[in-house]
Amino acid sequence: MNTEIEPVIKKIKKLFALSTSSNENEAQAALLKAQELLAKYKLSMRDVNDHITPSKDVSKKFTDITFKKATWKGLLASLIADNFSVYAFYSTRGSNRVVFYGLKEDTETAAEVFEYAVEFITGKVRQLRQRYYRLGQSAKGLENDYAQGFIVGLKQKFDQQKQENQEWALVLVKPQIVIDSYQEFEKSFKRSIDVGQKFLGHSSAWQRGIEDGRNFVMIAGRLGQ
């Protein structure tokens, strides 16, 4: 099957699953959108049914990203989780490791996008620090403010994409099996991690972060292509 059509079929399958929702308005909207995509791409139900369905197993995906003081990483993880149908939590052993929880395919995608975003942010901050040092300016709190701005910009990007492509708002609803499983799983949590952030005064870095977040192109993101 054409690899360009596979993501479309995955969306259609998820929309049909949502069409059985107990929420009548949500179910109707999902069904209409699925029918619209079938017509747009000239697909039949046989095309959809013959496509191999991804695993429905709920799993955890441990990332390589940890933090102690850089709590912006937790905020970024939560934003990405909300836009990839998964949850984010932290495995705490000395430091906080970011973990995604959901369907296997979704957690792997979220983790890849998250790790790439962190790499992007830290690379940009390195460049900004060098500029600050050359100008004899303090770079204390620079990473925090740039990252906060980036997260604001990335959220704006996600929101805009969902407005322009309304089917995404439906597709990104977490599967009920993930919701139920996570609600049971989180009962085992012993404490919560505060990822609140304070602005530390680098207005230009914050604004630059917003612009970069809006323009961020995700190497694996279903919403970033």
C-alpha atoms as a PDB file:
ATOM      1  CA  MET A   1       0.000   0.000   0.000  1.00  0.00           C
ATOM      2  CA  ASN A   2       1.130   3.559  -0.753  1.00  0.00           C
ATOM      3  CA  THR A   3       2.965   4.812   2.330  1.00  0.00           C
ATOM      4  CA  GLU A   4       1.362   8.251   1.869  1.00  0.00           C
ATOM      5  CA  ILE A   5      -2.084   6.697   2.346  1.00  0.00           C
ATOM      6  CA  GLU A   6      -1.224   4.727   5.484  1.00  0.00           C
ATOM      7  CA  PRO A   7      -1.431   7.746   7.861  1.00  0.00           C
ATOM      8  CA  VAL A   8      -4.807   8.629   6.321  1.00  0.00           C
ATOM      9  CA  ILE A   9      -6.133   5.117   6.939  1.00  0.00           C
ATOM     10  CA  LYS A  10      -4.900   5.259  10.529  1.00  0.00           C
ATOM     11  CA  LYS A  11      -6.823   8.504  11.001  1.00  0.00           C
ATOM     12  CA  ILE A  12      -9.951   6.988   9.473  1.00  0.00           C
ATOM     13  CA  LYS A  13      -9.713   3.936  11.741  1.00  0.00           C
ATOM     14  CA  LYS A  14      -9.393   6.145  14.800  1.00  0.00           C
ATOM     15  CA  LEU A  15     -12.319   8.294  13.687  1.00  0.00           C
ATOM     16  CA  PHE A  16     -14.500   5.217  13.237  1.00  0.00           C
ATOM     17  CA  ALA A  17     -13.515   4.098  16.734  1.00  0.00           C
ATOM     18  CA  LEU A  18     -14.581   7.506  18.063  1.00  0.00           C
ATOM     19  CA  SER A  19     -17.889   7.224  16.195  1.00  0.00           C
ATOM     20  CA  THR A  20     -18.985   4.674  18.819  1.00  0.00           C
ATOM     21  CA  SER A  21     -18.475   7.217  21.611  1.00  0.00           C
ATOM     22  CA  SER A  22     -21.273   7.721  24.126  1.00  0.00           C
ATOM     23  CA  ASN A  23     -20.934  11.453  23.402  1.00  0.00           C
ATOM     24  CA  GLU A  24     -23.429  11.852  20.554  1.00  0.00           C
ATOM     25  CA  ASN A  25     -21.945  15.070  19.149  1.00  0.00           C
ATOM     26  CA  GLU A  26     -18.408  13.674  19.214  1.00  0.00           C
ATOM     27  CA  ALA A  27     -19.542  10.414  17.609  1.00  0.00           C
ATOM     28  CA  GLN A  28     -21.385  12.184  14.795  1.00  0.00           C
ATOM     29  CA  ALA A  29     -18.498  14.557  14.082  1.00  0.00           C
ATOM     30  CA  ALA A  30     -16.052  11.637  13.957  1.00  0.00           C
ATOM     31  CA  LEU A  31     -18.240   9.660  11.566  1.00  0.00           C
ATOM     32  CA  LEU A  32     -18.712  12.623   9.222  1.00  0.00           C
ATOM     33  CA  LYS A  33     -14.986  13.327   9.180  1.00  0.00           C
ATOM     34  CA  ALA A  34     -14.183   9.655   8.452  1.00  0.00           C
ATOM     35  CA  GLN A  35     -16.623   9.690   5.540  1.00  0.00           C
ATOM     36  CA  GLU A  36     -15.093  12.924   4.263  1.00  0.00           C
ATOM     37  CA  LEU A  37     -11.603  11.387   4.263  1.00  0.00           C
ATOM     38  CA  LEU A  38     -12.841   8.242   2.501  1.00  0.00           C
ATOM     39  CA  ALA A  39     -14.290  10.384  -0.285  1.00  0.00           C
ATOM     40  CA  LYS A  40     -11.309  12.739  -0.490  1.00  0.00           C
ATOM     41  CA  TYR A  41      -8.762   9.927  -0.913  1.00  0.00           C
ATOM     42  CA  LYS A  42     -11.083   7.635  -2.921  1.00  0.00           C
ATOM     43  CA  LEU A  43     -10.792   4.834  -0.368  1.00  0.00           C
ATOM     44  CA  SER A  44     -13.233   2.010   0.266  1.00  0.00           C
ATOM     45  CA  MET A  45     -14.028   0.338   3.568  1.00  0.00           C
ATOM     46  CA  ARG A  46     -12.195  -2.706   2.224  1.00  0.00           C
ATOM     47  CA  ASP A  47      -9.028  -0.579   1.929  1.00  0.00           C
ATOM     48  CA  VAL A  48      -9.465   0.440   5.547  1.00  0.00           C
ATOM     49  CA  ASN A  49     -10.300  -3.023   6.862  1.00  0.00           C
ATOM     50  CA  ASP A  50      -7.421  -4.687   4.987  1.00  0.00           C
ATOM     51  CA  HIS A  51      -4.904  -2.343   6.561  1.00  0.00           C
ATOM     52  CA  ILE A  52      -2.959  -3.881   9.439  1.00  0.00           C
ATOM     53  CA  THR A  53      -4.160  -2.363  12.683  1.00  0.00           C
ATOM     54  CA  PRO A  54      -1.405  -1.111  15.025  1.00  0.00           C
ATOM     55  CA  SER A  55      -1.047  -2.766  18.405  1.00  0.00           C
ATOM     56  CA  LYS A  56      -3.678  -1.785  20.974  1.00  0.00           C
ATOM     57  CA  ASP A  57      -1.400  -2.673  23.872  1.00  0.00           C
ATOM     58  CA  VAL A  58      -0.853   0.094  26.401  1.00  0.00           C
ATOM     59  CA  SER A  59       2.827   0.555  27.191  1.00  0.00           C
ATOM     60  CA  LYS A  60       5.418   2.905  28.702  1.00  0.00           C
ATOM     61  CA  LYS A  61       8.182   4.546  26.686  1.00  0.00           C
ATOM     62  CA  PHE A  62      11.146   5.713  28.769  1.00  0.00           C
ATOM     63  CA  THR A  63      13.005   8.603  27.136  1.00  0.00           C
ATOM     64  CA  ASP A  64      16.660   9.551  27.502  1.00  0.00           C
ATOM     65  CA  ILE A  65      15.665  12.919  28.994  1.00  0.00           C
ATOM     66  CA  THR A  66      16.027  13.575  32.720  1.00  0.00           C
ATOM     67  CA  PHE A  67      15.820  16.759  34.770  1.00  0.00           C
ATOM     68  CA  LYS A  68      16.154  18.157  38.268  1.00  0.00           C
ATOM     69  CA  LYS A  69      16.013  21.936  38.024  1.00  0.00           C
ATOM     70  CA  ALA A  70      15.166  22.217  34.312  1.00  0.00           C
ATOM     71  CA  THR A  71      11.466  21.698  34.930  1.00  0.00           C
ATOM     72  CA  TRP A  72      10.613  23.168  31.526  1.00  0.00           C
ATOM     73  CA  LYS A  73      11.316  19.674  30.208  1.00  0.00           C
ATOM     74  CA  GLY A  74       8.320  18.439  32.194  1.00  0.00           C
ATOM     75  CA  LEU A  75       6.110  21.183  30.745  1.00  0.00           C
ATOM     76  CA  LEU A  76       7.288  20.359  27.229  1.00  0.00           C
ATOM     77  CA  ALA A  77       6.618  16.650  27.777  1.00  0.00           C
ATOM     78  CA  SER A  78       3.066  17.382  28.946  1.00  0.00           C
ATOM     79  CA  LEU A  79       2.354  19.564  25.910  1.00  0.00           C
ATOM     80  CA  ILE A  80       3.621  16.938  23.484  1.00  0.00           C
ATOM     81  CA  ALA A  81       1.755  14.166  25.319  1.00  0.00           C
ATOM     82  CA  ASP A  82      -1.512  16.094  25.020  1.00  0.00           C
ATOM     83  CA  ASN A  83      -1.023  16.361  21.274  1.00  0.00           C
ATOM     84  CA  PHE A  84      -0.039  12.748  20.632  1.00  0.00           C
ATOM     85  CA  SER A  85      -2.836  10.921  22.478  1.00  0.00           C
ATOM     86  CA  VAL A  86      -0.606   9.862  25.401  1.00  0.00           C
ATOM     87  CA  TYR A  87       0.214  10.787  28.993  1.00  0.00           C
ATOM     88  CA  ALA A  88       3.556  11.967  30.391  1.00  0.00           C
ATOM     89  CA  PHE A  89       4.877  11.133  33.842  1.00  0.00           C
ATOM     90  CA  TYR A  90       8.263  11.008  35.585  1.00  0.00           C
ATOM     91  CA  SER A  91      10.260   8.063  36.856  1.00  0.00           C
ATOM     92  CA  THR A  92      12.105   9.454  39.871  1.00  0.00           C
ATOM     93  CA  ARG A  93      15.421   7.953  40.958  1.00  0.00           C
ATOM     94  CA  GLY A  94      17.719  10.824  41.875  1.00  0.00           C
ATOM     95  CA  SER A  95      16.497  12.768  38.854  1.00  0.00           C
ATOM     96  CA  ASN A  96      13.198  12.808  36.970  1.00  0.00           C
ATOM     97  CA  ARG A  97      13.128  10.746  33.780  1.00  0.00           C
ATOM     98  CA  VAL A  98      10.347  11.587  31.328  1.00  0.00           C
ATOM     99  CA  VAL A  99       8.147   8.622  30.409  1.00  0.00           C
ATOM    100  CA  PHE A 100       5.226   8.484  27.962  1.00  0.00           C
ATOM    101  CA  TYR A 101       2.224   6.233  28.563  1.00  0.00           C
ATOM    102  CA  GLY A 102      -0.232   5.132  25.884  1.00  0.00           C
ATOM    103  CA  LEU A 103      -0.517   2.954  22.803  1.00  0.00           C
ATOM    104  CA  LYS A 104       2.927   1.724  21.739  1.00  0.00           C
ATOM    105  CA  GLU A 105       2.999   3.519  18.387  1.00  0.00           C
ATOM    106  CA  ASP A 106       1.874   6.803  19.961  1.00  0.00           C
ATOM    107  CA  THR A 107       4.395   6.681  22.819  1.00  0.00           C
ATOM    108  CA  GLU A 108       7.264   6.036  20.420  1.00  0.00           C
ATOM    109  CA  THR A 109       6.246   8.981  18.247  1.00  0.00           C
ATOM    110  CA  ALA A 110       5.812  11.293  21.252  1.00  0.00           C
ATOM    111  CA  ALA A 111       9.199  10.274  22.672  1.00  0.00           C
ATOM    112  CA  GLU A 112      10.986  10.878  19.376  1.00  0.00           C
ATOM    113  CA  VAL A 113       9.426  14.318  18.934  1.00  0.00           C
ATOM    114  CA  PHE A 114      10.116  15.230  22.580  1.00  0.00           C
ATOM    115  CA  GLU A 115      13.782  14.199  22.464  1.00  0.00           C
ATOM    116  CA  TYR A 116      14.271  16.106  19.222  1.00  0.00           C
ATOM    117  CA  ALA A 117      12.596  19.218  20.701  1.00  0.00           C
ATOM    118  CA  VAL A 118      14.846  19.109  23.783  1.00  0.00           C
ATOM    119  CA  GLU A 119      17.903  18.758  21.545  1.00  0.00           C
ATOM    120  CA  PHE A 120      16.692  21.702  19.462  1.00  0.00           C
ATOM    121  CA  ILE A 121      16.137  23.910  22.541  1.00  0.00           C
ATOM    122  CA  THR A 122      19.488  23.117  24.154  1.00  0.00           C
ATOM    123  CA  GLY A 123      21.274  23.789  20.860  1.00  0.00           C
ATOM    124  CA  LYS A 124      19.603  27.184  20.478  1.00  0.00           C
ATOM    125  CA  VAL A 125      20.366  28.076  24.101  1.00  0.00           C
ATOM    126  CA  ARG A 126      24.046  27.241  23.526  1.00  0.00           C
ATOM    127  CA  GLN A 127      24.125  29.712  20.654  1.00  0.00           C
ATOM    128  CA  LEU A 128      22.374  32.408  22.695  1.00  0.00           C
ATOM    129  CA  ARG A 129      24.752  31.926  25.636  1.00  0.00           C
ATOM    130  CA  GLN A 130      27.766  32.473  23.401  1.00  0.00           C
ATOM    131  CA  ARG A 131      26.221  35.710  22.165  1.00  0.00           C
ATOM    132  CA  TYR A 132      25.503  36.869  25.716  1.00  0.00           C
ATOM    133  CA  TYR A 133      29.065  36.092  26.810  1.00  0.00           C
ATOM    134  CA  ARG A 134      30.517  38.046  23.883  1.00  0.00           C
ATOM    135  CA  LEU A 135      28.397  41.035  24.923  1.00  0.00           C
ATOM    136  CA  GLY A 136      29.396  40.654  28.569  1.00  0.00           C
ATOM    137  CA  GLN A 137      25.800  39.945  29.628  1.00  0.00           C
ATOM    138  CA  SER A 138      24.616  37.486  32.271  1.00  0.00           C
ATOM    139  CA  ALA A 139      23.091  34.303  30.856  1.00  0.00           C
ATOM    140  CA  LYS A 140      21.622  33.176  34.186  1.00  0.00           C
ATOM    141  CA  GLY A 141      18.082  31.911  33.605  1.00  0.00           C
ATOM    142  CA  LEU A 142      18.471  32.132  29.827  1.00  0.00           C
ATOM    143  CA  GLU A 143      17.596  28.475  29.208  1.00  0.00           C
ATOM    144  CA  ASN A 144      14.492  28.740  31.375  1.00  0.00           C
ATOM    145  CA  ASP A 145      13.141  31.815  29.574  1.00  0.00           C
ATOM    146  CA  TYR A 146      13.927  30.621  26.046  1.00  0.00           C
ATOM    147  CA  ALA A 147      12.378  27.216  26.754  1.00  0.00           C
ATOM    148  CA  GLN A 148       9.246  28.788  28.234  1.00  0.00           C
ATOM    149  CA  GLY A 149       8.843  30.911  25.131  1.00  0.00           C
ATOM    150  CA  PHE A 150       9.394  27.884  22.892  1.00  0.00           C
ATOM    151  CA  ILE A 151       6.657  25.960  24.708  1.00  0.00           C
ATOM    152  CA  VAL A 152       4.240  28.886  24.281  1.00  0.00           C
ATOM    153  CA  GLY A 153       5.039  29.044  20.561  1.00  0.00           C
ATOM    154  CA  LEU A 154       4.740  25.284  20.090  1.00  0.00           C
ATOM    155  CA  LYS A 155       1.336  25.292  21.792  1.00  0.00           C
ATOM    156  CA  GLN A 156       0.232  28.030  19.417  1.00  0.00           C
ATOM    157  CA  LYS A 157       1.452  25.890  16.512  1.00  0.00           C
ATOM    158  CA  PHE A 158      -0.512  22.865  17.727  1.00  0.00           C
ATOM    159  CA  ASP A 159      -3.647  24.949  18.304  1.00  0.00           C
ATOM    160  CA  GLN A 160      -3.429  26.523  14.857  1.00  0.00           C
ATOM    161  CA  GLN A 161      -2.991  23.152  13.168  1.00  0.00           C
ATOM    162  CA  LYS A 162      -6.023  21.760  14.963  1.00  0.00           C
ATOM    163  CA  GLN A 163      -8.093  24.759  13.877  1.00  0.00           C
ATOM    164  CA  GLU A 164      -6.991  24.387  10.262  1.00  0.00           C
ATOM    165  CA  ASN A 165      -7.400  20.578  10.276  1.00  0.00           C
ATOM    166  CA  GLN A 166     -10.394  19.866  12.453  1.00  0.00           C
ATOM    167  CA  GLU A 167     -10.072  16.097  12.121  1.00  0.00           C
ATOM    168  CA  TRP A 168      -6.916  16.287  14.249  1.00  0.00           C
ATOM    169  CA  ALA A 169      -8.904  17.493  17.243  1.00  0.00           C
ATOM    170  CA  LEU A 170     -10.894  14.258  17.005  1.00  0.00           C
ATOM    171  CA  VAL A 171      -7.972  11.970  16.203  1.00  0.00           C
ATOM    172  CA  LEU A 172      -5.970  13.292  19.155  1.00  0.00           C
ATOM    173  CA  VAL A 173      -8.558  12.229  21.718  1.00  0.00           C
ATOM    174  CA  LYS A 174      -6.895   9.626  23.947  1.00  0.00           C
ATOM    175  CA  PRO A 175      -8.292   6.112  23.378  1.00  0.00           C
ATOM    176  CA  GLN A 176     -10.568   4.985  26.203  1.00  0.00           C
ATOM    177  CA  ILE A 177      -8.343   1.983  26.898  1.00  0.00           C
ATOM    178  CA  VAL A 178      -5.448   4.393  27.552  1.00  0.00           C
ATOM    179  CA  ILE A 179      -7.545   6.644  29.799  1.00  0.00           C
ATOM    180  CA  ASP A 180      -8.829   3.728  31.879  1.00  0.00           C
ATOM    181  CA  SER A 181      -5.406   2.104  32.150  1.00  0.00           C
ATOM    182  CA  TYR A 182      -3.665   5.327  33.161  1.00  0.00           C
ATOM    183  CA  GLN A 183      -6.263   6.191  35.790  1.00  0.00           C
ATOM    184  CA  GLU A 184      -5.554   2.855  37.434  1.00  0.00           C
ATOM    185  CA  PHE A 185      -1.791   3.179  36.954  1.00  0.00           C
ATOM    186  CA  GLU A 186      -1.525   6.663  38.502  1.00  0.00           C
ATOM    187  CA  LYS A 187      -2.920   5.349  41.784  1.00  0.00           C
ATOM    188  CA  SER A 188       0.577   3.935  42.358  1.00  0.00           C
ATOM    189  CA  PHE A 189       2.203   7.389  42.189  1.00  0.00           C
ATOM    190  CA  LYS A 190       3.781   8.311  45.518  1.00  0.00           C
ATOM    191  CA  ARG A 191       4.185  12.036  44.896  1.00  0.00           C
ATOM    192  CA  SER A 192       3.745  14.694  42.260  1.00  0.00           C
ATOM    193  CA  ILE A 193       6.509  16.722  40.626  1.00  0.00           C
ATOM    194  CA  ASP A 194       6.063  20.494  40.496  1.00  0.00           C
ATOM    195  CA  VAL A 195       7.073  21.707  37.025  1.00  0.00           C
ATOM    196  CA  GLY A 196       5.970  25.304  37.536  1.00  0.00           C
ATOM    197  CA  GLN A 197       8.221  27.925  35.961  1.00  0.00           C
ATOM    198  CA  LYS A 198       8.997  31.573  36.685  1.00  0.00           C
ATOM    199  CA  PHE A 199      10.042  34.124  34.105  1.00  0.00           C
ATOM    200  CA  LEU A 200      13.582  35.291  34.916  1.00  0.00           C
ATOM    201  CA  GLY A 201      13.787  38.450  32.834  1.00  0.00           C
ATOM    202  CA  HIS A 202      15.270  37.518  29.432  1.00  0.00           C
ATOM    203  CA  SER A 203      12.528  39.052  27.284  1.00  0.00           C
ATOM    204  CA  SER A 204      14.370  38.777  23.973  1.00  0.00           C
ATOM    205  CA  ALA A 205      15.190  35.091  24.575  1.00  0.00           C
ATOM    206  CA  TRP A 206      11.572  34.419  25.538  1.00  0.00           C
ATOM    207  CA  GLN A 207      10.310  36.088  22.354  1.00  0.00           C
ATOM    208  CA  ARG A 208      12.870  34.217  20.251  1.00  0.00           C
ATOM    209  CA  GLY A 209      11.658  30.993  21.851  1.00  0.00           C
ATOM    210  CA  ILE A 210       8.060  31.764  20.873  1.00  0.00           C
ATOM    211  CA  GLU A 211       9.061  32.339  17.253  1.00  0.00           C
ATOM    212  CA  ASP A 212      11.128  29.140  17.140  1.00  0.00           C
ATOM    213  CA  GLY A 213       8.309  27.142  18.740  1.00  0.00           C
ATOM    214  CA  ARG A 214       5.819  28.386  16.150  1.00  0.00           C
ATOM    215  CA  ASN A 215       8.175  27.417  13.328  1.00  0.00           C
ATOM    216  CA  PHE A 216       9.374  24.124  14.805  1.00  0.00           C
ATOM    217  CA  VAL A 217       9.261  21.265  12.303  1.00  0.00           C
ATOM    218  CA  MET A 218       9.037  17.847  13.917  1.00  0.00           C
ATOM    219  CA  ILE A 219      10.948  15.008  12.326  1.00  0.00           C
ATOM    220  CA  ALA A 220       8.374  12.466  13.497  1.00  0.00           C
ATOM    221  CA  GLY A 221       5.360  14.597  14.306  1.00  0.00           C
ATOM    222  CA  ARG A 222       2.009  13.803  12.787  1.00  0.00           C
ATOM    223  CA  LEU A 223       1.124  17.442  13.406  1.00  0.00           C
ATOM    224  CA  GLY A 224       4.393  18.957  12.313  1.00  0.00           C
ATOM    225  CA  GLN A 225       4.570  17.871   8.705  1.00  0.00           C
END
